[in-house]
Amino acid sequence: MGPRTLNREQLLGSLRDNVRESVISAMSRVPRELFVPEALKSRAYDDTPLPIGHNQTISAPHMVAIMCDLLDLEPGMIVLEVGGGSGYHAAVMAALVGPEGWVYSVERMPELVATARKNLEKAGTENVTMVEADGSLGLAEHAPYDRISVAATAPKVPEPLKHQLKVGGKMVLPVGRDYQELYLVTRKNGFSEEKKMGVIFVPLIGEEGFRERL
């Protein structure tokens, strides 16, 4: 038996005890149904990952909420997202950083880049730039970033991403192959890494990620 179908208010209510109110508010302003395939719109608020084609998924809402909460996103921040997918996670982060902030979202699959751009336009999200590139290398031309969010698992924390983070900045990403853990990386004098929870993500394919699907 699968998860029961929820509406947006029920979903956000279920998340409210676990993340800060600013994250709930941002998620309430982003219509997730615009970011899932037509055939799955009725399941848009199920708290589960959903397929978006090309062996990729849109993350479960609770995972988007947790990652945004760990990053402590604030208005005006410049954010790098790796693994843009359908654009939903970028839209939520864009709502958190506000019109004075910006999200650069990197996705390696051109079909998903095109879809994400359309989805973001439909949602009225204007402060996201979708870029087709190898996200494991980051996006050096707009670095350094206040925050980096990675929505695909890497064999280790990619060095280019670490060094594109501002001093005082934070990055959240899954690490591991068979068993994955969500890491919070903070850059101060050096880099600190905290393991937060076990997770399941698609692999980060690229020069500083995995060379093939897991």
N, C-alpha and C. Protein backbone atom coordinates (compact mmCIF):
# COMPACT_ATOMS: atom_id res chain seq x y z
N MET A 1 0.85 -1.19 0.00
CA MET A 1 0.00 0.00 0.00
C MET A 1 0.89 1.24 0.00
N GLY A 2 0.66 2.16 -0.96
CA GLY A 2 1.49 3.35 -1.09
C GLY A 2 1.06 4.42 -0.11
N PRO A 3 1.81 5.55 -0.09
CA PRO A 3 1.45 6.65 0.80
C PRO A 3 0.12 7.25 0.39
N ARG A 4 -0.65 7.76 1.37
CA ARG A 4 -1.95 8.33 1.03
C ARG A 4 -1.72 9.67 0.30
N THR A 5 -2.62 9.97 -0.59
CA THR A 5 -2.52 11.21 -1.35
C THR A 5 -2.88 12.39 -0.46
N LEU A 6 -1.99 13.39 -0.44
CA LEU A 6 -2.17 14.56 0.42
C LEU A 6 -2.44 15.79 -0.43
N ASN A 7 -3.06 16.81 0.17
CA ASN A 7 -3.08 18.11 -0.48
C ASN A 7 -1.97 18.96 0.14
N ARG A 8 -1.79 20.15 -0.41
CA ARG A 8 -0.64 20.97 0.02
C ARG A 8 -0.71 21.31 1.51
N GLU A 9 -1.91 21.65 2.00
CA GLU A 9 -2.03 22.04 3.41
C GLU A 9 -1.70 20.87 4.34
N GLN A 10 -2.17 19.67 3.98
CA GLN A 10 -1.87 18.49 4.80
C GLN A 10 -0.37 18.20 4.81
N LEU A 11 0.25 18.29 3.64
CA LEU A 11 1.68 18.03 3.56
C LEU A 11 2.47 19.03 4.40
N LEU A 12 2.19 20.30 4.22
CA LEU A 12 2.95 21.31 4.96
C LEU A 12 2.71 21.19 6.46
N GLY A 13 1.49 20.82 6.84
CA GLY A 13 1.20 20.60 8.26
C GLY A 13 2.04 19.47 8.83
N SER A 14 2.27 18.42 8.02
CA SER A 14 3.06 17.28 8.49
C SER A 14 4.54 17.63 8.64
N LEU A 15 4.99 18.67 7.94
CA LEU A 15 6.41 19.07 7.99
C LEU A 15 6.69 20.12 9.06
N ARG A 16 5.64 20.75 9.53
CA ARG A 16 5.80 21.98 10.34
C ARG A 16 6.61 21.77 11.61
N ASP A 17 6.54 20.61 12.23
CA ASP A 17 7.26 20.39 13.50
C ASP A 17 8.76 20.16 13.29
N ASN A 18 9.18 19.94 12.05
CA ASN A 18 10.57 19.52 11.81
C ASN A 18 11.46 20.57 11.17
N VAL A 19 10.86 21.60 10.58
CA VAL A 19 11.68 22.62 9.92
C VAL A 19 11.16 24.01 10.29
N ARG A 20 12.00 25.01 10.08
CA ARG A 20 11.63 26.38 10.45
C ARG A 20 10.49 26.90 9.57
N GLU A 21 9.78 27.87 10.12
CA GLU A 21 8.57 28.39 9.46
C GLU A 21 8.87 29.03 8.11
N SER A 22 10.06 29.62 7.95
CA SER A 22 10.40 30.25 6.67
C SER A 22 10.41 29.23 5.54
N VAL A 23 10.83 28.00 5.84
CA VAL A 23 10.85 26.93 4.82
C VAL A 23 9.41 26.54 4.46
N ILE A 24 8.55 26.38 5.47
CA ILE A 24 7.14 26.06 5.22
C ILE A 24 6.50 27.15 4.37
N SER A 25 6.78 28.39 4.70
CA SER A 25 6.22 29.53 3.96
C SER A 25 6.67 29.50 2.50
N ALA A 26 7.95 29.24 2.27
CA ALA A 26 8.46 29.18 0.89
C ALA A 26 7.80 28.05 0.12
N MET A 27 7.68 26.88 0.75
CA MET A 27 7.06 25.74 0.07
C MET A 27 5.57 26.00 -0.20
N SER A 28 4.93 26.78 0.65
CA SER A 28 3.52 27.09 0.44
C SER A 28 3.32 27.99 -0.78
N ARG A 29 4.39 28.72 -1.17
CA ARG A 29 4.28 29.65 -2.30
C ARG A 29 4.72 29.03 -3.63
N VAL A 30 5.19 27.78 -3.60
CA VAL A 30 5.65 27.13 -4.84
C VAL A 30 4.73 25.96 -5.15
N PRO A 31 3.95 26.02 -6.23
CA PRO A 31 3.02 24.94 -6.57
C PRO A 31 3.77 23.72 -7.11
N ARG A 32 3.92 22.68 -6.27
CA ARG A 32 4.70 21.51 -6.68
C ARG A 32 4.10 20.80 -7.89
N GLU A 33 2.77 20.94 -8.07
CA GLU A 33 2.12 20.26 -9.20
C GLU A 33 2.64 20.78 -10.55
N LEU A 34 3.22 21.98 -10.58
CA LEU A 34 3.77 22.50 -11.83
C LEU A 34 5.10 21.85 -12.19
N PHE A 35 5.68 21.10 -11.26
CA PHE A 35 7.03 20.56 -11.45
C PHE A 35 7.06 19.04 -11.59
N VAL A 36 5.88 18.42 -11.64
CA VAL A 36 5.81 16.97 -11.83
C VAL A 36 5.15 16.68 -13.17
N PRO A 37 5.41 15.51 -13.76
CA PRO A 37 4.78 15.18 -15.05
C PRO A 37 3.26 15.19 -14.94
N GLU A 38 2.60 15.50 -16.06
CA GLU A 38 1.14 15.62 -16.11
C GLU A 38 0.43 14.43 -15.47
N ALA A 39 0.92 13.22 -15.77
CA ALA A 39 0.26 12.01 -15.28
C ALA A 39 0.36 11.84 -13.76
N LEU A 40 1.26 12.60 -13.12
CA LEU A 40 1.47 12.45 -11.67
C LEU A 40 0.97 13.65 -10.87
N LYS A 41 0.27 14.57 -11.52
CA LYS A 41 -0.14 15.79 -10.83
C LYS A 41 -1.00 15.51 -9.60
N SER A 42 -1.80 14.46 -9.64
CA SER A 42 -2.65 14.14 -8.50
C SER A 42 -1.82 13.69 -7.29
N ARG A 43 -0.58 13.30 -7.55
CA ARG A 43 0.31 12.85 -6.46
C ARG A 43 1.35 13.90 -6.07
N ALA A 44 1.18 15.12 -6.55
CA ALA A 44 2.20 16.14 -6.36
C ALA A 44 2.56 16.37 -4.90
N TYR A 45 1.58 16.19 -3.99
CA TYR A 45 1.84 16.46 -2.57
C TYR A 45 1.99 15.20 -1.73
N ASP A 46 2.13 14.05 -2.38
CA ASP A 46 2.54 12.84 -1.66
C ASP A 46 3.97 13.07 -1.17
N ASP A 47 4.26 12.67 0.05
CA ASP A 47 5.61 12.90 0.58
C ASP A 47 6.54 11.76 0.15
N THR A 48 6.81 11.72 -1.14
CA THR A 48 7.64 10.66 -1.71
C THR A 48 8.31 11.20 -2.97
N PRO A 49 9.47 10.65 -3.36
CA PRO A 49 10.06 11.06 -4.64
C PRO A 49 9.14 10.61 -5.79
N LEU A 50 9.14 11.34 -6.88
CA LEU A 50 8.36 10.98 -8.06
C LEU A 50 9.24 11.01 -9.30
N PRO A 51 9.04 10.09 -10.25
CA PRO A 51 9.87 10.09 -11.46
C PRO A 51 9.55 11.29 -12.35
N ILE A 52 10.60 11.88 -12.94
CA ILE A 52 10.41 13.01 -13.86
C ILE A 52 11.00 12.68 -15.23
N GLY A 53 11.30 11.36 -15.46
CA GLY A 53 11.88 10.95 -16.74
C GLY A 53 13.39 10.94 -16.70
N HIS A 54 14.00 10.26 -17.67
CA HIS A 54 15.47 10.20 -17.80
C HIS A 54 16.14 9.60 -16.57
N ASN A 55 15.43 8.67 -15.90
CA ASN A 55 15.94 8.00 -14.68
C ASN A 55 16.23 8.98 -13.55
N GLN A 56 15.52 10.09 -13.52
CA GLN A 56 15.69 11.10 -12.48
C GLN A 56 14.39 11.23 -11.70
N THR A 57 14.49 11.87 -10.53
CA THR A 57 13.31 12.04 -9.68
C THR A 57 13.23 13.47 -9.16
N ILE A 58 12.01 13.87 -8.77
CA ILE A 58 11.83 15.07 -7.95
C ILE A 58 11.85 14.58 -6.51
N SER A 59 12.67 15.20 -5.68
CA SER A 59 12.84 14.73 -4.30
C SER A 59 11.53 14.80 -3.52
N ALA A 60 11.41 13.94 -2.52
CA ALA A 60 10.26 13.99 -1.62
C ALA A 60 10.22 15.37 -0.95
N PRO A 61 9.02 15.93 -0.74
CA PRO A 61 8.93 17.24 -0.11
C PRO A 61 9.66 17.35 1.23
N HIS A 62 9.60 16.29 2.05
CA HIS A 62 10.28 16.40 3.35
C HIS A 62 11.79 16.54 3.17
N MET A 63 12.35 15.94 2.11
CA MET A 63 13.79 16.04 1.89
C MET A 63 14.17 17.44 1.41
N VAL A 64 13.33 18.02 0.54
CA VAL A 64 13.55 19.41 0.13
C VAL A 64 13.52 20.32 1.36
N ALA A 65 12.53 20.09 2.23
CA ALA A 65 12.38 20.91 3.43
C ALA A 65 13.59 20.78 4.35
N ILE A 66 14.05 19.55 4.57
CA ILE A 66 15.20 19.32 5.46
C ILE A 66 16.45 19.97 4.91
N MET A 67 16.69 19.82 3.59
CA MET A 67 17.90 20.39 3.00
C MET A 67 17.87 21.92 3.06
N CYS A 68 16.71 22.51 2.79
CA CYS A 68 16.59 23.96 2.90
C CYS A 68 16.78 24.43 4.33
N ASP A 69 16.24 23.67 5.28
CA ASP A 69 16.36 24.02 6.69
C ASP A 69 17.83 23.96 7.14
N LEU A 70 18.55 22.92 6.74
CA LEU A 70 19.95 22.79 7.12
C LEU A 70 20.81 23.93 6.55
N LEU A 71 20.44 24.39 5.36
CA LEU A 71 21.22 25.45 4.72
C LEU A 71 20.98 26.81 5.35
N ASP A 72 19.86 26.97 6.09
CA ASP A 72 19.58 28.25 6.75
C ASP A 72 19.63 29.39 5.72
N LEU A 73 18.80 29.25 4.69
CA LEU A 73 18.78 30.23 3.59
C LEU A 73 18.13 31.54 4.03
N GLU A 74 18.74 32.65 3.64
CA GLU A 74 18.23 33.96 4.04
C GLU A 74 18.11 34.86 2.82
N PRO A 75 17.24 35.89 2.89
CA PRO A 75 17.07 36.81 1.76
C PRO A 75 18.41 37.42 1.32
N GLY A 76 18.59 37.49 0.00
CA GLY A 76 19.78 38.12 -0.56
C GLY A 76 20.92 37.17 -0.84
N MET A 77 20.81 35.90 -0.43
CA MET A 77 21.91 34.96 -0.64
C MET A 77 22.00 34.53 -2.11
N ILE A 78 23.23 34.20 -2.51
CA ILE A 78 23.50 33.63 -3.83
C ILE A 78 23.74 32.14 -3.63
N VAL A 79 22.96 31.31 -4.34
CA VAL A 79 22.95 29.86 -4.11
C VAL A 79 23.32 29.12 -5.38
N LEU A 80 24.12 28.07 -5.24
CA LEU A 80 24.37 27.14 -6.33
C LEU A 80 23.61 25.85 -6.03
N GLU A 81 22.83 25.39 -7.00
CA GLU A 81 22.20 24.08 -6.89
C GLU A 81 22.82 23.16 -7.93
N VAL A 82 23.14 21.95 -7.52
CA VAL A 82 23.65 20.92 -8.42
C VAL A 82 22.59 19.82 -8.53
N GLY A 83 22.18 19.51 -9.75
CA GLY A 83 21.12 18.54 -9.97
C GLY A 83 19.77 19.21 -9.99
N GLY A 84 19.55 20.06 -11.00
CA GLY A 84 18.35 20.91 -11.03
C GLY A 84 17.05 20.17 -11.26
N GLY A 85 17.11 19.00 -11.94
CA GLY A 85 15.91 18.22 -12.16
C GLY A 85 14.81 19.02 -12.82
N SER A 86 13.62 18.98 -12.24
CA SER A 86 12.46 19.67 -12.83
C SER A 86 12.34 21.12 -12.38
N GLY A 87 13.24 21.57 -11.49
CA GLY A 87 13.26 22.96 -11.06
C GLY A 87 12.57 23.26 -9.73
N TYR A 88 11.94 22.24 -9.12
CA TYR A 88 11.16 22.50 -7.91
C TYR A 88 12.02 22.96 -6.73
N HIS A 89 13.08 22.24 -6.46
CA HIS A 89 13.94 22.57 -5.32
C HIS A 89 14.52 23.97 -5.49
N ALA A 90 14.92 24.30 -6.72
CA ALA A 90 15.45 25.64 -7.00
C ALA A 90 14.40 26.71 -6.73
N ALA A 91 13.14 26.42 -7.11
CA ALA A 91 12.06 27.39 -6.89
C ALA A 91 11.82 27.65 -5.41
N VAL A 92 11.89 26.59 -4.59
CA VAL A 92 11.71 26.76 -3.14
C VAL A 92 12.87 27.60 -2.56
N MET A 93 14.09 27.29 -2.98
CA MET A 93 15.24 28.07 -2.50
C MET A 93 15.14 29.51 -2.97
N ALA A 94 14.65 29.72 -4.21
CA ALA A 94 14.49 31.08 -4.74
C ALA A 94 13.49 31.87 -3.91
N ALA A 95 12.43 31.19 -3.44
CA ALA A 95 11.46 31.86 -2.57
C ALA A 95 12.09 32.24 -1.24
N LEU A 96 13.01 31.42 -0.76
CA LEU A 96 13.67 31.70 0.52
C LEU A 96 14.68 32.85 0.42
N VAL A 97 15.40 32.95 -0.69
CA VAL A 97 16.41 34.02 -0.82
C VAL A 97 15.79 35.32 -1.34
N GLY A 98 14.56 35.23 -1.85
CA GLY A 98 13.83 36.42 -2.24
C GLY A 98 14.35 37.08 -3.51
N PRO A 99 13.68 38.14 -3.95
CA PRO A 99 14.04 38.78 -5.21
C PRO A 99 15.43 39.40 -5.21
N GLU A 100 15.97 39.68 -4.02
CA GLU A 100 17.33 40.23 -3.96
C GLU A 100 18.40 39.14 -3.96
N GLY A 101 17.98 37.87 -3.86
CA GLY A 101 18.90 36.73 -3.95
C GLY A 101 18.81 36.07 -5.31
N TRP A 102 19.64 35.04 -5.53
CA TRP A 102 19.62 34.36 -6.82
C TRP A 102 20.05 32.91 -6.66
N VAL A 103 19.45 32.03 -7.47
CA VAL A 103 19.82 30.62 -7.49
C VAL A 103 20.33 30.27 -8.89
N TYR A 104 21.54 29.72 -8.95
CA TYR A 104 22.09 29.16 -10.18
C TYR A 104 21.95 27.65 -10.08
N SER A 105 21.17 27.06 -10.97
CA SER A 105 20.89 25.62 -10.90
C SER A 105 21.51 24.91 -12.09
N VAL A 106 22.37 23.93 -11.81
CA VAL A 106 23.09 23.21 -12.85
C VAL A 106 22.48 21.82 -13.04
N GLU A 107 22.19 21.48 -14.28
CA GLU A 107 21.61 20.18 -14.64
C GLU A 107 22.33 19.69 -15.89
N ARG A 108 22.74 18.41 -15.90
CA ARG A 108 23.52 17.92 -17.04
C ARG A 108 22.67 17.46 -18.21
N MET A 109 21.38 17.22 -17.99
CA MET A 109 20.53 16.70 -19.07
C MET A 109 19.77 17.83 -19.76
N PRO A 110 20.02 18.06 -21.05
CA PRO A 110 19.39 19.20 -21.73
C PRO A 110 17.88 19.16 -21.72
N GLU A 111 17.29 17.95 -21.78
CA GLU A 111 15.83 17.84 -21.77
C GLU A 111 15.26 18.35 -20.45
N LEU A 112 15.93 18.03 -19.35
CA LEU A 112 15.45 18.48 -18.04
C LEU A 112 15.68 19.98 -17.87
N VAL A 113 16.77 20.50 -18.41
CA VAL A 113 17.01 21.95 -18.35
C VAL A 113 15.86 22.69 -19.02
N ALA A 114 15.48 22.23 -20.22
CA ALA A 114 14.39 22.87 -20.96
C ALA A 114 13.07 22.78 -20.19
N THR A 115 12.79 21.60 -19.62
CA THR A 115 11.56 21.41 -18.86
C THR A 115 11.56 22.30 -17.61
N ALA A 116 12.69 22.33 -16.90
CA ALA A 116 12.78 23.13 -15.68
C ALA A 116 12.55 24.61 -15.99
N ARG A 117 13.12 25.10 -17.07
CA ARG A 117 12.92 26.51 -17.43
C ARG A 117 11.43 26.82 -17.65
N LYS A 118 10.73 25.91 -18.33
CA LYS A 118 9.30 26.09 -18.56
C LYS A 118 8.53 26.05 -17.24
N ASN A 119 8.88 25.09 -16.39
CA ASN A 119 8.21 24.97 -15.09
C ASN A 119 8.39 26.22 -14.24
N LEU A 120 9.62 26.73 -14.20
CA LEU A 120 9.91 27.93 -13.40
C LEU A 120 9.15 29.13 -13.93
N GLU A 121 9.05 29.21 -15.24
CA GLU A 121 8.28 30.32 -15.84
C GLU A 121 6.81 30.22 -15.46
N LYS A 122 6.25 29.00 -15.54
CA LYS A 122 4.85 28.79 -15.17
C LYS A 122 4.60 29.17 -13.70
N ALA A 123 5.61 28.88 -12.86
CA ALA A 123 5.48 29.16 -11.42
C ALA A 123 5.73 30.63 -11.09
N GLY A 124 6.18 31.41 -12.09
CA GLY A 124 6.46 32.83 -11.86
C GLY A 124 7.75 33.07 -11.10
N THR A 125 8.67 32.09 -11.12
CA THR A 125 9.95 32.22 -10.43
C THR A 125 10.95 32.89 -11.38
N GLU A 126 11.43 34.06 -10.98
CA GLU A 126 12.29 34.85 -11.87
C GLU A 126 13.75 34.90 -11.44
N ASN A 127 14.06 34.45 -10.23
CA ASN A 127 15.43 34.58 -9.74
C ASN A 127 16.17 33.23 -9.71
N VAL A 128 15.97 32.45 -10.79
CA VAL A 128 16.70 31.20 -10.99
C VAL A 128 17.27 31.19 -12.40
N THR A 129 18.54 30.84 -12.52
CA THR A 129 19.16 30.62 -13.83
C THR A 129 19.48 29.14 -13.96
N MET A 130 18.87 28.46 -14.94
CA MET A 130 19.16 27.05 -15.22
C MET A 130 20.34 26.97 -16.19
N VAL A 131 21.33 26.14 -15.85
CA VAL A 131 22.53 26.01 -16.67
C VAL A 131 22.75 24.54 -17.00
N GLU A 132 23.01 24.23 -18.27
CA GLU A 132 23.35 22.86 -18.66
C GLU A 132 24.86 22.67 -18.55
N ALA A 133 25.30 21.83 -17.62
CA ALA A 133 26.74 21.63 -17.39
C ALA A 133 26.94 20.44 -16.46
N ASP A 134 28.21 20.09 -16.24
CA ASP A 134 28.59 19.05 -15.29
C ASP A 134 28.59 19.67 -13.89
N GLY A 135 27.54 19.40 -13.14
CA GLY A 135 27.39 20.02 -11.83
C GLY A 135 28.43 19.60 -10.82
N SER A 136 29.09 18.46 -11.04
CA SER A 136 30.12 18.02 -10.09
C SER A 136 31.30 18.99 -10.06
N LEU A 137 31.42 19.81 -11.11
CA LEU A 137 32.49 20.82 -11.19
C LEU A 137 32.03 22.18 -10.67
N GLY A 138 30.76 22.25 -10.27
CA GLY A 138 30.22 23.52 -9.81
C GLY A 138 29.97 24.47 -10.97
N LEU A 139 30.03 25.75 -10.67
CA LEU A 139 29.82 26.80 -11.67
C LEU A 139 30.71 27.97 -11.26
N ALA A 140 31.97 27.88 -11.69
CA ALA A 140 32.99 28.80 -11.18
C ALA A 140 32.72 30.25 -11.52
N GLU A 141 32.03 30.51 -12.66
CA GLU A 141 31.89 31.91 -13.10
C GLU A 141 31.05 32.77 -12.17
N HIS A 142 30.22 32.15 -11.32
CA HIS A 142 29.41 32.95 -10.39
C HIS A 142 29.84 32.75 -8.94
N ALA A 143 30.91 32.01 -8.71
CA ALA A 143 31.39 31.76 -7.35
C ALA A 143 32.05 33.04 -6.79
N PRO A 144 32.18 33.14 -5.45
CA PRO A 144 31.77 32.15 -4.45
C PRO A 144 30.29 32.28 -4.09
N TYR A 145 29.75 31.18 -3.53
CA TYR A 145 28.34 31.11 -3.18
C TYR A 145 28.15 31.13 -1.67
N ASP A 146 27.03 31.72 -1.24
CA ASP A 146 26.68 31.68 0.19
C ASP A 146 26.28 30.27 0.60
N ARG A 147 25.57 29.57 -0.31
CA ARG A 147 25.07 28.24 -0.03
C ARG A 147 25.16 27.37 -1.28
N ILE A 148 25.38 26.08 -1.09
CA ILE A 148 25.37 25.11 -2.20
C ILE A 148 24.50 23.93 -1.79
N SER A 149 23.59 23.55 -2.68
CA SER A 149 22.69 22.41 -2.44
C SER A 149 22.89 21.40 -3.56
N VAL A 150 23.16 20.15 -3.19
CA VAL A 150 23.42 19.10 -4.17
C VAL A 150 22.36 18.01 -4.03
N ALA A 151 21.64 17.74 -5.13
CA ALA A 151 20.52 16.79 -5.09
C ALA A 151 20.85 15.49 -5.81
N ALA A 152 22.10 15.06 -5.68
CA ALA A 152 22.53 13.77 -6.24
C ALA A 152 23.72 13.31 -5.41
N THR A 153 23.85 12.00 -5.21
CA THR A 153 24.88 11.51 -4.31
C THR A 153 26.25 11.43 -4.99
N ALA A 154 27.29 11.83 -4.26
CA ALA A 154 28.66 11.85 -4.77
C ALA A 154 29.50 10.82 -4.02
N PRO A 155 30.59 10.32 -4.62
CA PRO A 155 31.46 9.37 -3.92
C PRO A 155 32.17 10.02 -2.73
N LYS A 156 32.41 11.33 -2.83
CA LYS A 156 32.98 12.12 -1.74
C LYS A 156 32.57 13.57 -2.01
N VAL A 157 32.85 14.45 -1.07
CA VAL A 157 32.51 15.86 -1.29
C VAL A 157 33.38 16.41 -2.41
N PRO A 158 32.81 16.84 -3.54
CA PRO A 158 33.65 17.32 -4.65
C PRO A 158 34.47 18.55 -4.28
N GLU A 159 35.76 18.49 -4.54
CA GLU A 159 36.66 19.60 -4.20
C GLU A 159 36.24 20.92 -4.86
N PRO A 160 35.85 20.92 -6.15
CA PRO A 160 35.47 22.21 -6.76
C PRO A 160 34.32 22.88 -6.03
N LEU A 161 33.37 22.08 -5.52
CA LEU A 161 32.24 22.66 -4.81
C LEU A 161 32.69 23.28 -3.49
N LYS A 162 33.58 22.59 -2.79
CA LYS A 162 34.08 23.12 -1.53
C LYS A 162 34.72 24.49 -1.73
N HIS A 163 35.49 24.60 -2.80
CA HIS A 163 36.25 25.84 -2.99
C HIS A 163 35.45 26.93 -3.67
N GLN A 164 34.20 26.62 -4.09
CA GLN A 164 33.31 27.65 -4.61
C GLN A 164 32.37 28.19 -3.53
N LEU A 165 32.58 27.71 -2.30
CA LEU A 165 31.78 28.14 -1.15
C LEU A 165 32.47 29.32 -0.47
N LYS A 166 31.69 30.33 -0.14
CA LYS A 166 32.25 31.48 0.60
C LYS A 166 32.71 31.03 1.98
N VAL A 167 33.67 31.75 2.54
CA VAL A 167 34.02 31.54 3.95
C VAL A 167 32.78 31.91 4.77
N GLY A 168 32.37 31.02 5.64
CA GLY A 168 31.13 31.19 6.38
C GLY A 168 29.94 30.54 5.70
N GLY A 169 30.17 29.99 4.49
CA GLY A 169 29.09 29.38 3.72
C GLY A 169 28.82 27.94 4.12
N LYS A 170 27.68 27.42 3.64
CA LYS A 170 27.26 26.04 3.96
C LYS A 170 26.86 25.31 2.69
N MET A 171 27.12 24.01 2.69
CA MET A 171 26.72 23.14 1.59
C MET A 171 26.06 21.90 2.16
N VAL A 172 24.99 21.45 1.52
CA VAL A 172 24.34 20.20 1.92
C VAL A 172 24.35 19.27 0.72
N LEU A 173 24.74 18.00 0.95
CA LEU A 173 24.81 17.04 -0.15
C LEU A 173 24.82 15.62 0.38
N PRO A 174 24.28 14.67 -0.42
CA PRO A 174 24.39 13.26 -0.06
C PRO A 174 25.73 12.70 -0.53
N VAL A 175 26.31 11.81 0.27
CA VAL A 175 27.59 11.19 -0.07
C VAL A 175 27.47 9.68 0.14
N GLY A 176 27.96 8.91 -0.81
CA GLY A 176 27.98 7.45 -0.65
C GLY A 176 27.46 6.74 -1.88
N ARG A 177 27.73 5.44 -1.95
CA ARG A 177 27.26 4.64 -3.07
C ARG A 177 26.09 3.77 -2.62
N ASP A 178 26.35 2.68 -1.96
CA ASP A 178 25.27 1.79 -1.51
C ASP A 178 24.56 2.37 -0.30
N TYR A 179 25.33 2.91 0.65
CA TYR A 179 24.73 3.58 1.80
C TYR A 179 25.10 5.06 1.69
N GLN A 180 24.11 5.91 1.68
CA GLN A 180 24.34 7.34 1.52
C GLN A 180 23.98 8.09 2.80
N GLU A 181 24.74 9.13 3.08
CA GLU A 181 24.42 10.01 4.21
C GLU A 181 24.38 11.45 3.75
N LEU A 182 23.47 12.22 4.34
CA LEU A 182 23.38 13.63 4.03
C LEU A 182 24.41 14.38 4.88
N TYR A 183 25.30 15.11 4.21
CA TYR A 183 26.35 15.87 4.88
C TYR A 183 25.99 17.35 4.90
N LEU A 184 26.35 18.02 5.98
CA LEU A 184 26.36 19.48 6.03
C LEU A 184 27.82 19.91 6.12
N VAL A 185 28.28 20.61 5.10
CA VAL A 185 29.67 21.07 5.04
C VAL A 185 29.68 22.57 5.32
N THR A 186 30.50 23.00 6.26
CA THR A 186 30.61 24.43 6.59
C THR A 186 32.05 24.87 6.36
N ARG A 187 32.21 25.99 5.69
CA ARG A 187 33.56 26.53 5.45
C ARG A 187 33.83 27.67 6.43
N LYS A 188 34.84 27.48 7.26
CA LYS A 188 35.29 28.55 8.15
C LYS A 188 36.77 28.76 7.85
N ASN A 189 37.66 28.48 8.81
CA ASN A 189 39.09 28.52 8.49
C ASN A 189 39.42 27.36 7.56
N GLY A 190 38.80 26.22 7.83
CA GLY A 190 38.88 25.05 6.95
C GLY A 190 37.46 24.60 6.65
N PHE A 191 37.30 23.29 6.46
CA PHE A 191 35.97 22.74 6.17
C PHE A 191 35.58 21.74 7.26
N SER A 192 34.37 21.88 7.77
CA SER A 192 33.85 20.87 8.70
C SER A 192 32.74 20.10 8.00
N GLU A 193 32.65 18.80 8.31
CA GLU A 193 31.64 17.95 7.70
C GLU A 193 30.84 17.24 8.80
N GLU A 194 29.54 17.43 8.78
CA GLU A 194 28.65 16.75 9.75
C GLU A 194 27.72 15.82 9.01
N LYS A 195 27.62 14.57 9.48
CA LYS A 195 26.66 13.63 8.91
C LYS A 195 25.32 13.81 9.62
N LYS A 196 24.25 13.99 8.83
CA LYS A 196 22.96 14.32 9.40
C LYS A 196 21.98 13.16 9.42
N MET A 197 21.92 12.37 8.34
CA MET A 197 20.91 11.29 8.27
C MET A 197 21.19 10.43 7.05
N GLY A 198 20.67 9.20 7.07
CA GLY A 198 20.72 8.33 5.90
C GLY A 198 19.71 8.77 4.86
N VAL A 199 20.10 8.71 3.59
CA VAL A 199 19.23 9.17 2.50
C VAL A 199 19.40 8.26 1.28
N ILE A 200 18.54 8.46 0.28
CA ILE A 200 18.66 7.77 -1.01
C ILE A 200 18.47 8.78 -2.12
N PHE A 201 19.51 8.97 -2.92
CA PHE A 201 19.45 9.90 -4.05
C PHE A 201 19.99 9.22 -5.31
N VAL A 202 19.64 9.77 -6.47
CA VAL A 202 20.25 9.32 -7.72
C VAL A 202 21.72 9.76 -7.71
N PRO A 203 22.58 9.09 -8.52
CA PRO A 203 24.00 9.43 -8.49
C PRO A 203 24.32 10.75 -9.19
N LEU A 204 25.34 11.42 -8.67
CA LEU A 204 25.91 12.59 -9.32
C LEU A 204 26.89 12.09 -10.37
N ILE A 205 26.51 12.23 -11.64
CA ILE A 205 27.36 11.77 -12.74
C ILE A 205 28.22 12.94 -13.20
N GLY A 206 29.54 12.73 -13.28
CA GLY A 206 30.39 13.81 -13.75
C GLY A 206 31.84 13.58 -13.36
N GLU A 207 32.66 14.53 -13.73
CA GLU A 207 34.11 14.40 -13.53
C GLU A 207 34.48 14.23 -12.07
N GLU A 208 33.75 14.94 -11.16
CA GLU A 208 34.03 14.83 -9.73
C GLU A 208 32.96 14.00 -9.01
N GLY A 209 32.14 13.31 -9.79
CA GLY A 209 31.12 12.43 -9.22
C GLY A 209 31.36 11.01 -9.64
N PHE A 210 30.28 10.27 -9.88
CA PHE A 210 30.40 8.91 -10.40
C PHE A 210 30.50 8.96 -11.93
N ARG A 211 31.18 7.98 -12.51
CA ARG A 211 31.33 7.95 -13.96
C ARG A 211 30.19 7.20 -14.65
N GLU A 212 29.38 6.48 -13.85
CA GLU A 212 28.27 5.73 -14.43
C GLU A 212 27.14 5.64 -13.42
N ARG A 213 25.97 5.23 -13.86
CA ARG A 213 24.86 5.06 -12.94
C ARG A 213 25.18 3.95 -11.94
N LEU A 214 24.69 4.09 -10.71
CA LEU A 214 24.97 3.10 -9.66
C LEU A 214 24.19 1.82 -9.93
